[in-house]
Amino acid sequence: MAHSYVSGLYHCVFSTKERRNLIPPALQERLWPYLGGIARENRMTALAIGGIENHAHILLSVPSTLSIAKALQIIKGASSKWVHETFPEYRRFGWQEGYGAFSIGVSQIDTTVAYIQNQVEHHRRLTFEQEYLAFLKKHGIEYDPRYVGD
């Protein structure tokens, strides 16, 4: 074959430092589109972005030339820098070091987009920790409870 074709879809989840409520709705309105712009500038596609005050979700299509670790390093680093430079009142803002990146198939795109778009409603019933543990268990990922507990 003369060309490579790859479908790399990931439902990415990452929280603020110490899972603090550092992303109020006013910042979310600016930050979610900015995350999409970072992705676009780095040859990724953000199909959906959402979250609440203490974490973000991105459905991300990543090119074969970019690891998911590097993709999230770029997104988290650039967005943190932007928040600090643009909004001095959010000087405490920062992302936690870790993340979850869960591969999905094309048949799951619509369901995943709806899930990300309904974060506010979803978290009326479930904490971030409960949600994250459910993702880890669903995907059969072993984890250290010291870093994930509810």
N, C-alpha and C. Protein backbone atom coordinates (compact mmCIF):
# COMPACT_ATOMS: atom_id res chain seq x y z
N MET A 1 0.84 -1.19 0.00
CA MET A 1 0.00 0.00 0.00
C MET A 1 0.88 1.25 0.00
N ALA A 2 0.45 2.23 -0.73
CA ALA A 2 1.21 3.47 -0.82
C ALA A 2 0.93 4.42 0.35
N HIS A 3 -0.21 4.26 1.01
CA HIS A 3 -0.59 5.16 2.11
C HIS A 3 -0.98 4.34 3.33
N SER A 4 -0.89 4.99 4.49
CA SER A 4 -1.33 4.37 5.74
C SER A 4 -2.64 5.02 6.16
N TYR A 5 -3.56 4.20 6.60
CA TYR A 5 -4.84 4.69 7.07
C TYR A 5 -5.08 4.13 8.46
N VAL A 6 -5.35 5.03 9.40
CA VAL A 6 -5.47 4.64 10.80
C VAL A 6 -6.70 5.31 11.41
N SER A 7 -7.43 4.56 12.20
CA SER A 7 -8.52 5.11 12.98
C SER A 7 -8.10 5.03 14.44
N GLY A 8 -7.73 6.15 15.01
CA GLY A 8 -7.30 6.20 16.41
C GLY A 8 -8.23 7.09 17.20
N LEU A 9 -9.31 6.53 17.70
CA LEU A 9 -10.30 7.29 18.46
C LEU A 9 -10.15 6.98 19.95
N TYR A 10 -10.05 8.03 20.75
CA TYR A 10 -9.88 7.88 22.19
C TYR A 10 -10.84 8.78 22.95
N HIS A 11 -11.49 8.21 23.95
CA HIS A 11 -12.26 9.00 24.91
C HIS A 11 -11.30 9.32 26.03
N CYS A 12 -10.86 10.58 26.09
CA CYS A 12 -9.85 11.02 27.06
C CYS A 12 -10.52 11.74 28.21
N VAL A 13 -10.03 11.45 29.42
CA VAL A 13 -10.56 12.05 30.63
C VAL A 13 -9.38 12.48 31.49
N PHE A 14 -9.41 13.74 31.94
CA PHE A 14 -8.35 14.20 32.85
C PHE A 14 -8.91 15.25 33.78
N SER A 15 -8.37 15.29 34.98
CA SER A 15 -8.92 16.17 36.01
C SER A 15 -7.97 17.31 36.34
N THR A 16 -8.52 18.25 37.07
CA THR A 16 -7.73 19.36 37.56
C THR A 16 -6.85 18.87 38.71
N LYS A 17 -5.86 19.67 39.07
CA LYS A 17 -4.98 19.31 40.19
C LYS A 17 -5.83 19.07 41.43
N GLU A 18 -5.52 17.95 42.06
CA GLU A 18 -6.21 17.53 43.29
C GLU A 18 -7.73 17.47 43.12
N ARG A 19 -8.18 17.35 41.90
CA ARG A 19 -9.61 17.27 41.56
C ARG A 19 -10.40 18.45 42.12
N ARG A 20 -9.74 19.58 42.20
CA ARG A 20 -10.40 20.79 42.69
C ARG A 20 -11.32 21.37 41.63
N ASN A 21 -12.34 22.09 42.07
CA ASN A 21 -13.28 22.74 41.16
C ASN A 21 -12.66 24.04 40.63
N LEU A 22 -11.80 23.90 39.65
CA LEU A 22 -11.04 25.03 39.12
C LEU A 22 -11.52 25.51 37.76
N ILE A 23 -12.60 24.89 37.22
CA ILE A 23 -13.10 25.27 35.90
C ILE A 23 -14.58 25.68 36.03
N PRO A 24 -14.84 26.90 36.48
CA PRO A 24 -16.24 27.33 36.58
C PRO A 24 -16.86 27.45 35.18
N PRO A 25 -18.18 27.48 35.10
CA PRO A 25 -18.84 27.55 33.79
C PRO A 25 -18.33 28.66 32.88
N ALA A 26 -18.01 29.82 33.43
CA ALA A 26 -17.50 30.92 32.59
C ALA A 26 -16.18 30.54 31.92
N LEU A 27 -15.33 29.83 32.62
CA LEU A 27 -14.06 29.38 32.03
C LEU A 27 -14.30 28.23 31.06
N GLN A 28 -15.23 27.33 31.39
CA GLN A 28 -15.55 26.22 30.49
C GLN A 28 -15.94 26.73 29.11
N GLU A 29 -16.71 27.80 29.05
CA GLU A 29 -17.17 28.36 27.77
C GLU A 29 -16.00 28.76 26.87
N ARG A 30 -14.90 29.13 27.46
CA ARG A 30 -13.72 29.53 26.69
C ARG A 30 -12.72 28.39 26.54
N LEU A 31 -12.60 27.57 27.59
CA LEU A 31 -11.58 26.52 27.60
C LEU A 31 -11.91 25.37 26.65
N TRP A 32 -13.16 24.92 26.62
CA TRP A 32 -13.49 23.77 25.76
C TRP A 32 -13.19 24.07 24.30
N PRO A 33 -13.60 25.21 23.77
CA PRO A 33 -13.23 25.51 22.36
C PRO A 33 -11.71 25.65 22.18
N TYR A 34 -11.04 26.17 23.18
CA TYR A 34 -9.59 26.32 23.07
C TYR A 34 -8.91 24.95 22.98
N LEU A 35 -9.39 23.99 23.76
CA LEU A 35 -8.85 22.63 23.68
C LEU A 35 -9.00 22.08 22.26
N GLY A 36 -10.15 22.35 21.64
CA GLY A 36 -10.38 21.92 20.26
C GLY A 36 -9.40 22.57 19.29
N GLY A 37 -9.10 23.83 19.53
CA GLY A 37 -8.13 24.54 18.68
C GLY A 37 -6.73 23.97 18.81
N ILE A 38 -6.33 23.63 20.02
CA ILE A 38 -5.01 23.01 20.23
C ILE A 38 -4.95 21.70 19.45
N ALA A 39 -6.00 20.92 19.56
CA ALA A 39 -6.04 19.63 18.84
C ALA A 39 -5.89 19.87 17.34
N ARG A 40 -6.68 20.78 16.81
CA ARG A 40 -6.66 21.07 15.37
C ARG A 40 -5.28 21.53 14.90
N GLU A 41 -4.64 22.40 15.67
CA GLU A 41 -3.31 22.91 15.31
C GLU A 41 -2.25 21.81 15.32
N ASN A 42 -2.55 20.69 15.95
CA ASN A 42 -1.58 19.60 16.06
C ASN A 42 -2.04 18.34 15.32
N ARG A 43 -2.85 18.54 14.29
CA ARG A 43 -3.32 17.47 13.40
C ARG A 43 -4.17 16.41 14.09
N MET A 44 -4.82 16.80 15.17
CA MET A 44 -5.79 15.94 15.84
C MET A 44 -7.17 16.51 15.56
N THR A 45 -8.20 15.71 15.83
CA THR A 45 -9.56 16.19 15.71
C THR A 45 -10.29 15.91 17.01
N ALA A 46 -10.84 16.96 17.60
CA ALA A 46 -11.67 16.80 18.80
C ALA A 46 -13.12 16.72 18.34
N LEU A 47 -13.70 15.54 18.43
CA LEU A 47 -15.08 15.34 17.99
C LEU A 47 -16.09 15.84 19.01
N ALA A 48 -15.70 15.86 20.29
CA ALA A 48 -16.54 16.39 21.36
C ALA A 48 -15.66 16.76 22.53
N ILE A 49 -16.03 17.84 23.21
CA ILE A 49 -15.31 18.29 24.40
C ILE A 49 -16.34 18.74 25.41
N GLY A 50 -16.15 18.35 26.65
CA GLY A 50 -17.05 18.78 27.71
C GLY A 50 -16.46 18.43 29.06
N GLY A 51 -17.25 18.64 30.07
CA GLY A 51 -16.80 18.33 31.41
C GLY A 51 -17.54 19.17 32.42
N ILE A 52 -17.00 19.19 33.62
CA ILE A 52 -17.56 20.01 34.69
C ILE A 52 -16.39 20.71 35.39
N GLU A 53 -16.64 21.22 36.57
CA GLU A 53 -15.68 22.06 37.27
C GLU A 53 -14.34 21.39 37.59
N ASN A 54 -14.31 20.06 37.67
CA ASN A 54 -13.06 19.42 38.08
C ASN A 54 -12.46 18.44 37.08
N HIS A 55 -13.03 18.35 35.88
CA HIS A 55 -12.42 17.47 34.88
C HIS A 55 -12.97 17.73 33.48
N ALA A 56 -12.22 17.22 32.50
CA ALA A 56 -12.60 17.39 31.09
C ALA A 56 -12.66 16.04 30.41
N HIS A 57 -13.51 15.96 29.39
CA HIS A 57 -13.61 14.80 28.51
C HIS A 57 -13.37 15.30 27.08
N ILE A 58 -12.60 14.54 26.32
CA ILE A 58 -12.43 14.85 24.90
C ILE A 58 -12.52 13.55 24.12
N LEU A 59 -13.33 13.54 23.09
CA LEU A 59 -13.32 12.44 22.13
C LEU A 59 -12.35 12.89 21.05
N LEU A 60 -11.22 12.22 20.98
CA LEU A 60 -10.10 12.68 20.19
C LEU A 60 -9.70 11.67 19.12
N SER A 61 -9.54 12.16 17.91
CA SER A 61 -8.99 11.35 16.83
C SER A 61 -7.53 11.76 16.69
N VAL A 62 -6.64 10.79 16.85
CA VAL A 62 -5.20 11.05 16.89
C VAL A 62 -4.55 10.43 15.66
N PRO A 63 -3.70 11.19 14.95
CA PRO A 63 -3.02 10.63 13.78
C PRO A 63 -2.01 9.55 14.19
N SER A 64 -1.67 8.68 13.27
CA SER A 64 -0.76 7.58 13.57
C SER A 64 0.64 8.05 13.96
N THR A 65 0.99 9.27 13.62
CA THR A 65 2.32 9.79 13.91
C THR A 65 2.44 10.37 15.31
N LEU A 66 1.35 10.35 16.09
CA LEU A 66 1.34 10.97 17.40
C LEU A 66 0.84 9.97 18.44
N SER A 67 1.61 9.76 19.49
CA SER A 67 1.15 8.87 20.56
C SER A 67 0.08 9.58 21.37
N ILE A 68 -0.76 8.82 22.02
CA ILE A 68 -1.81 9.43 22.85
C ILE A 68 -1.17 10.18 24.02
N ALA A 69 -0.05 9.69 24.54
CA ALA A 69 0.64 10.38 25.63
C ALA A 69 1.10 11.76 25.18
N LYS A 70 1.69 11.84 24.01
CA LYS A 70 2.16 13.12 23.48
C LYS A 70 0.98 14.03 23.17
N ALA A 71 -0.09 13.48 22.62
CA ALA A 71 -1.27 14.27 22.29
C ALA A 71 -1.82 14.95 23.54
N LEU A 72 -1.96 14.21 24.62
CA LEU A 72 -2.51 14.79 25.85
C LEU A 72 -1.52 15.74 26.52
N GLN A 73 -0.24 15.45 26.40
CA GLN A 73 0.77 16.38 26.92
C GLN A 73 0.64 17.74 26.22
N ILE A 74 0.48 17.72 24.92
CA ILE A 74 0.32 18.96 24.14
C ILE A 74 -0.94 19.69 24.56
N ILE A 75 -2.06 18.99 24.62
CA ILE A 75 -3.35 19.62 24.95
C ILE A 75 -3.36 20.18 26.36
N LYS A 76 -2.92 19.40 27.32
CA LYS A 76 -2.94 19.85 28.70
C LYS A 76 -1.93 20.98 28.94
N GLY A 77 -0.74 20.84 28.40
CA GLY A 77 0.29 21.86 28.61
C GLY A 77 -0.07 23.19 27.99
N ALA A 78 -0.50 23.16 26.74
CA ALA A 78 -0.85 24.42 26.04
C ALA A 78 -2.07 25.08 26.67
N SER A 79 -3.05 24.29 27.09
CA SER A 79 -4.25 24.89 27.68
C SER A 79 -3.96 25.50 29.04
N SER A 80 -3.13 24.85 29.83
CA SER A 80 -2.75 25.39 31.14
C SER A 80 -2.00 26.71 30.98
N LYS A 81 -1.08 26.74 30.04
CA LYS A 81 -0.32 27.97 29.76
C LYS A 81 -1.27 29.08 29.34
N TRP A 82 -2.21 28.78 28.45
CA TRP A 82 -3.17 29.76 27.96
C TRP A 82 -4.03 30.32 29.09
N VAL A 83 -4.53 29.44 29.96
CA VAL A 83 -5.36 29.90 31.08
C VAL A 83 -4.57 30.86 31.95
N HIS A 84 -3.33 30.50 32.29
CA HIS A 84 -2.52 31.36 33.16
C HIS A 84 -2.21 32.70 32.51
N GLU A 85 -1.94 32.71 31.22
CA GLU A 85 -1.61 33.96 30.53
C GLU A 85 -2.83 34.83 30.24
N THR A 86 -3.98 34.20 30.03
CA THR A 86 -5.18 34.94 29.62
C THR A 86 -6.06 35.34 30.79
N PHE A 87 -6.09 34.52 31.83
CA PHE A 87 -6.98 34.75 32.96
C PHE A 87 -6.20 34.73 34.28
N PRO A 88 -5.60 35.84 34.66
CA PRO A 88 -4.80 35.86 35.90
C PRO A 88 -5.60 35.46 37.13
N GLU A 89 -6.93 35.65 37.08
CA GLU A 89 -7.75 35.29 38.23
C GLU A 89 -7.82 33.77 38.45
N TYR A 90 -7.40 33.00 37.45
CA TYR A 90 -7.38 31.54 37.59
C TYR A 90 -5.96 31.02 37.78
N ARG A 91 -5.18 31.74 38.57
CA ARG A 91 -3.77 31.37 38.75
C ARG A 91 -3.59 30.00 39.42
N ARG A 92 -4.61 29.51 40.10
CA ARG A 92 -4.52 28.19 40.75
C ARG A 92 -4.83 27.05 39.79
N PHE A 93 -5.30 27.40 38.57
CA PHE A 93 -5.68 26.38 37.60
C PHE A 93 -4.49 25.50 37.20
N GLY A 94 -4.75 24.22 37.04
CA GLY A 94 -3.76 23.29 36.51
C GLY A 94 -4.40 21.93 36.34
N TRP A 95 -3.82 21.14 35.46
CA TRP A 95 -4.29 19.78 35.25
C TRP A 95 -3.47 18.81 36.08
N GLN A 96 -4.10 17.76 36.55
CA GLN A 96 -3.41 16.69 37.23
C GLN A 96 -2.52 15.97 36.21
N GLU A 97 -1.45 15.37 36.67
CA GLU A 97 -0.49 14.74 35.77
C GLU A 97 -1.09 13.61 34.94
N GLY A 98 -1.86 12.75 35.54
CA GLY A 98 -2.36 11.57 34.85
C GLY A 98 -3.57 11.85 33.97
N TYR A 99 -4.04 10.80 33.33
CA TYR A 99 -5.21 10.88 32.45
C TYR A 99 -5.70 9.47 32.17
N GLY A 100 -6.89 9.40 31.62
CA GLY A 100 -7.41 8.15 31.09
C GLY A 100 -7.62 8.34 29.60
N ALA A 101 -7.25 7.36 28.81
CA ALA A 101 -7.48 7.39 27.37
C ALA A 101 -8.02 6.02 26.99
N PHE A 102 -9.28 5.98 26.60
CA PHE A 102 -9.97 4.74 26.35
C PHE A 102 -10.33 4.65 24.88
N SER A 103 -9.82 3.63 24.20
CA SER A 103 -10.09 3.50 22.78
C SER A 103 -11.56 3.15 22.55
N ILE A 104 -12.09 3.71 21.47
CA ILE A 104 -13.46 3.38 21.10
C ILE A 104 -13.49 3.06 19.61
N GLY A 105 -14.51 2.36 19.20
CA GLY A 105 -14.72 2.06 17.78
C GLY A 105 -15.65 3.09 17.16
N VAL A 106 -15.68 3.13 15.84
CA VAL A 106 -16.52 4.11 15.15
C VAL A 106 -18.00 3.94 15.49
N SER A 107 -18.42 2.74 15.81
CA SER A 107 -19.83 2.52 16.16
C SER A 107 -20.19 3.17 17.50
N GLN A 108 -19.19 3.57 18.28
CA GLN A 108 -19.44 4.17 19.60
C GLN A 108 -19.35 5.70 19.58
N ILE A 109 -19.10 6.29 18.42
CA ILE A 109 -18.92 7.75 18.35
C ILE A 109 -20.15 8.49 18.86
N ASP A 110 -21.32 8.20 18.33
CA ASP A 110 -22.52 8.95 18.71
C ASP A 110 -22.81 8.83 20.21
N THR A 111 -22.67 7.63 20.75
CA THR A 111 -22.91 7.41 22.18
C THR A 111 -21.91 8.18 23.02
N THR A 112 -20.65 8.18 22.59
CA THR A 112 -19.60 8.87 23.34
C THR A 112 -19.80 10.38 23.28
N VAL A 113 -20.15 10.90 22.11
CA VAL A 113 -20.41 12.34 21.97
C VAL A 113 -21.56 12.74 22.90
N ALA A 114 -22.63 11.97 22.90
CA ALA A 114 -23.78 12.28 23.77
C ALA A 114 -23.37 12.23 25.24
N TYR A 115 -22.55 11.25 25.60
CA TYR A 115 -22.07 11.13 26.98
C TYR A 115 -21.29 12.38 27.38
N ILE A 116 -20.40 12.82 26.52
CA ILE A 116 -19.57 14.00 26.82
C ILE A 116 -20.43 15.26 26.88
N GLN A 117 -21.39 15.38 26.02
CA GLN A 117 -22.26 16.56 26.01
C GLN A 117 -23.20 16.63 27.20
N ASN A 118 -23.43 15.51 27.87
CA ASN A 118 -24.34 15.46 29.01
C ASN A 118 -23.62 15.35 30.35
N GLN A 119 -22.43 15.90 30.45
CA GLN A 119 -21.66 15.79 31.67
C GLN A 119 -22.34 16.41 32.89
N VAL A 120 -22.91 17.58 32.74
CA VAL A 120 -23.53 18.23 33.89
C VAL A 120 -24.64 17.36 34.46
N GLU A 121 -25.51 16.87 33.60
CA GLU A 121 -26.60 15.99 34.04
C GLU A 121 -26.05 14.69 34.62
N HIS A 122 -25.08 14.12 33.95
CA HIS A 122 -24.48 12.85 34.38
C HIS A 122 -23.91 12.96 35.80
N HIS A 123 -23.27 14.09 36.09
CA HIS A 123 -22.60 14.23 37.40
C HIS A 123 -23.54 14.69 38.51
N ARG A 124 -24.80 14.76 38.23
CA ARG A 124 -25.76 14.95 39.31
C ARG A 124 -25.96 13.63 40.06
N ARG A 125 -25.60 12.52 39.39
CA ARG A 125 -25.79 11.19 39.96
C ARG A 125 -24.49 10.51 40.36
N LEU A 126 -23.38 10.95 39.78
CA LEU A 126 -22.12 10.22 39.92
C LEU A 126 -20.96 11.20 40.11
N THR A 127 -20.05 10.88 41.03
CA THR A 127 -18.86 11.73 41.20
C THR A 127 -17.85 11.41 40.10
N PHE A 128 -16.88 12.29 39.95
CA PHE A 128 -15.81 12.04 38.98
C PHE A 128 -15.11 10.72 39.30
N GLU A 129 -14.82 10.50 40.57
CA GLU A 129 -14.11 9.29 40.97
C GLU A 129 -14.90 8.04 40.62
N GLN A 130 -16.21 8.04 40.86
CA GLN A 130 -17.05 6.90 40.51
C GLN A 130 -17.05 6.68 39.00
N GLU A 131 -17.15 7.76 38.26
CA GLU A 131 -17.15 7.69 36.80
C GLU A 131 -15.83 7.09 36.29
N TYR A 132 -14.73 7.60 36.81
CA TYR A 132 -13.41 7.18 36.35
C TYR A 132 -13.15 5.70 36.67
N LEU A 133 -13.53 5.29 37.88
CA LEU A 133 -13.39 3.87 38.25
C LEU A 133 -14.22 2.98 37.32
N ALA A 134 -15.40 3.43 36.95
CA ALA A 134 -16.24 2.66 36.04
C ALA A 134 -15.57 2.50 34.67
N PHE A 135 -14.92 3.57 34.18
CA PHE A 135 -14.18 3.48 32.91
C PHE A 135 -13.04 2.46 33.02
N LEU A 136 -12.29 2.54 34.10
CA LEU A 136 -11.16 1.62 34.27
C LEU A 136 -11.63 0.18 34.31
N LYS A 137 -12.69 -0.07 35.05
CA LYS A 137 -13.22 -1.43 35.16
C LYS A 137 -13.78 -1.91 33.83
N LYS A 138 -14.54 -1.06 33.14
CA LYS A 138 -15.12 -1.42 31.86
C LYS A 138 -14.06 -1.82 30.84
N HIS A 139 -12.92 -1.14 30.89
CA HIS A 139 -11.84 -1.41 29.94
C HIS A 139 -10.81 -2.40 30.46
N GLY A 140 -11.07 -2.99 31.64
CA GLY A 140 -10.19 -4.01 32.18
C GLY A 140 -8.80 -3.50 32.53
N ILE A 141 -8.71 -2.25 32.97
CA ILE A 141 -7.42 -1.64 33.28
C ILE A 141 -7.13 -1.80 34.77
N GLU A 142 -5.98 -2.38 35.09
CA GLU A 142 -5.56 -2.48 36.48
C GLU A 142 -5.11 -1.11 36.95
N TYR A 143 -5.37 -0.80 38.22
CA TYR A 143 -5.02 0.51 38.75
C TYR A 143 -4.66 0.41 40.21
N ASP A 144 -3.97 1.43 40.69
CA ASP A 144 -3.60 1.51 42.09
C ASP A 144 -4.64 2.37 42.78
N PRO A 145 -5.41 1.82 43.72
CA PRO A 145 -6.49 2.57 44.38
C PRO A 145 -6.02 3.85 45.07
N ARG A 146 -4.74 3.93 45.41
CA ARG A 146 -4.22 5.14 46.06
C ARG A 146 -4.33 6.36 45.15
N TYR A 147 -4.34 6.13 43.86
CA TYR A 147 -4.35 7.23 42.91
C TYR A 147 -5.70 7.45 42.25
N VAL A 148 -6.67 6.62 42.58
CA VAL A 148 -7.95 6.71 41.89
C VAL A 148 -9.14 6.74 42.83
N GLY A 149 -8.98 6.46 44.10
CA GLY A 149 -10.09 6.25 45.04
C GLY A 149 -11.20 7.26 45.03
N ASP A 150 -12.36 6.83 45.60
CA ASP A 150 -13.47 7.78 45.67
C ASP A 150 -13.41 8.61 46.91
